[in-house]
Amino acid sequence: MTNADFVLAPIAELHWNGAKMADAGIAFADGKIKKIGPAQEIIREYPEVRREPAGLVTPGLVDPHTHIVWGGNR
């Protein structure tokens, strides 16, 4: 068994690299993603690690730009 610091599982819907995965899990170690996979696989691999469930998980980079047509109050 490998070490992880935190597990986010089960995740109802995970959006990752342009794909969508239902019932997923993510294991983190040292602030980085260690493993992504089906929730039950992640839970089984890291049974002693602190775990939290989640509804929807998406990448953190969101492009908040606007277009000139929206100049003025929004």
C-alpha atoms as a PDB file:
ATOM      1  CA  MET A   1       0.000   0.000   0.000  1.00  0.00           C
ATOM      2  CA  THR A   2       1.269   3.471  -0.847  1.00  0.00           C
ATOM      3  CA  ASN A   3       0.901   6.575   1.279  1.00  0.00           C
ATOM      4  CA  ALA A   4      -1.540   9.425   0.754  1.00  0.00           C
ATOM      5  CA  ASP A   5      -2.456  12.402   2.933  1.00  0.00           C
ATOM      6  CA  PHE A   6      -6.088  12.840   1.933  1.00  0.00           C
ATOM      7  CA  VAL A   7      -8.720  11.099  -0.184  1.00  0.00           C
ATOM      8  CA  LEU A   8     -11.638  12.778  -1.912  1.00  0.00           C
ATOM      9  CA  ALA A   9     -14.144   9.956  -2.515  1.00  0.00           C
ATOM     10  CA  PRO A  10     -16.749   9.211  -3.528  1.00  0.00           C
ATOM     11  CA  ILE A  11     -17.055  12.030  -6.057  1.00  0.00           C
ATOM     12  CA  ALA A  12     -20.438  12.035  -7.785  1.00  0.00           C
ATOM     13  CA  GLU A  13     -19.034  13.677 -10.931  1.00  0.00           C
ATOM     14  CA  LEU A  14     -15.386  14.401 -11.763  1.00  0.00           C
ATOM     15  CA  HIS A  15     -14.381  16.469 -14.803  1.00  0.00           C
ATOM     16  CA  TRP A  16     -10.747  15.800 -15.682  1.00  0.00           C
ATOM     17  CA  ASN A  17      -8.744  16.288 -18.907  1.00  0.00           C
ATOM     18  CA  GLY A  18     -11.866  16.877 -20.994  1.00  0.00           C
ATOM     19  CA  ALA A  19     -13.591  13.728 -19.722  1.00  0.00           C
ATOM     20  CA  LYS A  20     -16.340  13.151 -17.175  1.00  0.00           C
ATOM     21  CA  MET A  21     -16.181  10.324 -14.629  1.00  0.00           C
ATOM     22  CA  ALA A  22     -18.981   9.296 -12.270  1.00  0.00           C
ATOM     23  CA  ASP A  23     -18.356   7.758  -8.828  1.00  0.00           C
ATOM     24  CA  ALA A  24     -14.666   8.702  -8.834  1.00  0.00           C
ATOM     25  CA  GLY A  25     -11.964   9.170  -6.224  1.00  0.00           C
ATOM     26  CA  ILE A  26      -8.743  11.163  -5.916  1.00  0.00           C
ATOM     27  CA  ALA A  27      -5.837  10.448  -3.567  1.00  0.00           C
ATOM     28  CA  PHE A  28      -3.511  13.335  -2.642  1.00  0.00           C
ATOM     29  CA  ALA A  29       0.043  13.251  -1.274  1.00  0.00           C
ATOM     30  CA  ASP A  30       2.201  16.277  -0.463  1.00  0.00           C
ATOM     31  CA  GLY A  31      -0.413  18.620  -1.967  1.00  0.00           C
ATOM     32  CA  LYS A  32      -0.395  16.869  -5.348  1.00  0.00           C
ATOM     33  CA  ILE A  33      -2.697  14.367  -7.024  1.00  0.00           C
ATOM     34  CA  LYS A  34      -1.309  10.896  -6.475  1.00  0.00           C
ATOM     35  CA  LYS A  35      -4.003   8.754  -8.087  1.00  0.00           C
ATOM     36  CA  ILE A  36      -7.411   9.105  -9.774  1.00  0.00           C
ATOM     37  CA  GLY A  37      -9.767   6.211 -10.302  1.00  0.00           C
ATOM     38  CA  PRO A  38     -13.079   4.610  -9.402  1.00  0.00           C
ATOM     39  CA  ALA A  39     -14.167   5.587  -5.872  1.00  0.00           C
ATOM     40  CA  GLN A  40     -14.224   2.074  -4.449  1.00  0.00           C
ATOM     41  CA  GLU A  41     -10.732   1.346  -5.801  1.00  0.00           C
ATOM     42  CA  ILE A  42      -9.312   4.507  -4.188  1.00  0.00           C
ATOM     43  CA  ILE A  43     -11.135   3.850  -0.884  1.00  0.00           C
ATOM     44  CA  ARG A  44      -9.906   0.231  -0.842  1.00  0.00           C
ATOM     45  CA  GLU A  45      -6.300   1.272  -1.598  1.00  0.00           C
ATOM     46  CA  TYR A  46      -6.210   3.991   1.119  1.00  0.00           C
ATOM     47  CA  PRO A  47      -8.496   2.695   3.908  1.00  0.00           C
ATOM     48  CA  GLU A  48      -6.780   4.515   6.796  1.00  0.00           C
ATOM     49  CA  VAL A  49      -6.487   7.928   5.107  1.00  0.00           C
ATOM     50  CA  ARG A  50      -8.813  10.814   6.015  1.00  0.00           C
ATOM     51  CA  ARG A  51     -11.595  10.876   3.433  1.00  0.00           C
ATOM     52  CA  GLU A  52     -14.311  13.338   2.379  1.00  0.00           C
ATOM     53  CA  PRO A  53     -17.085  12.906  -0.213  1.00  0.00           C
ATOM     54  CA  ALA A  54     -17.802  15.459  -2.951  1.00  0.00           C
ATOM     55  CA  GLY A  55     -20.589  16.211  -5.399  1.00  0.00           C
ATOM     56  CA  LEU A  56     -18.913  17.877  -8.373  1.00  0.00           C
ATOM     57  CA  VAL A  57     -15.168  18.344  -8.893  1.00  0.00           C
ATOM     58  CA  THR A  58     -13.815  20.390 -11.808  1.00  0.00           C
ATOM     59  CA  PRO A  59     -10.383  21.794 -12.682  1.00  0.00           C
ATOM     60  CA  GLY A  60      -9.529  24.963 -10.749  1.00  0.00           C
ATOM     61  CA  LEU A  61      -8.461  27.057 -13.718  1.00  0.00           C
ATOM     62  CA  VAL A  62     -11.449  28.974 -15.055  1.00  0.00           C
ATOM     63  CA  ASP A  63     -11.012  31.655 -17.699  1.00  0.00           C
ATOM     64  CA  PRO A  64     -12.979  34.664 -16.358  1.00  0.00           C
ATOM     65  CA  HIS A  65     -12.531  36.852 -19.440  1.00  0.00           C
ATOM     66  CA  THR A  66     -15.250  38.925 -21.090  1.00  0.00           C
ATOM     67  CA  HIS A  67     -15.759  40.440 -24.544  1.00  0.00           C
ATOM     68  CA  ILE A  68     -15.980  44.087 -25.567  1.00  0.00           C
ATOM     69  CA  VAL A  69     -19.663  43.676 -26.395  1.00  0.00           C
ATOM     70  CA  TRP A  70     -20.198  43.480 -22.643  1.00  0.00           C
ATOM     71  CA  GLY A  71     -18.475  46.829 -21.998  1.00  0.00           C
ATOM     72  CA  GLY A  72     -20.265  48.782 -19.287  1.00  0.00           C
ATOM     73  CA  ASN A  73     -22.271  47.456 -16.355  1.00  0.00           C
ATOM     74  CA  ARG A  74     -23.056  43.781 -16.257  1.00  0.00           C
END
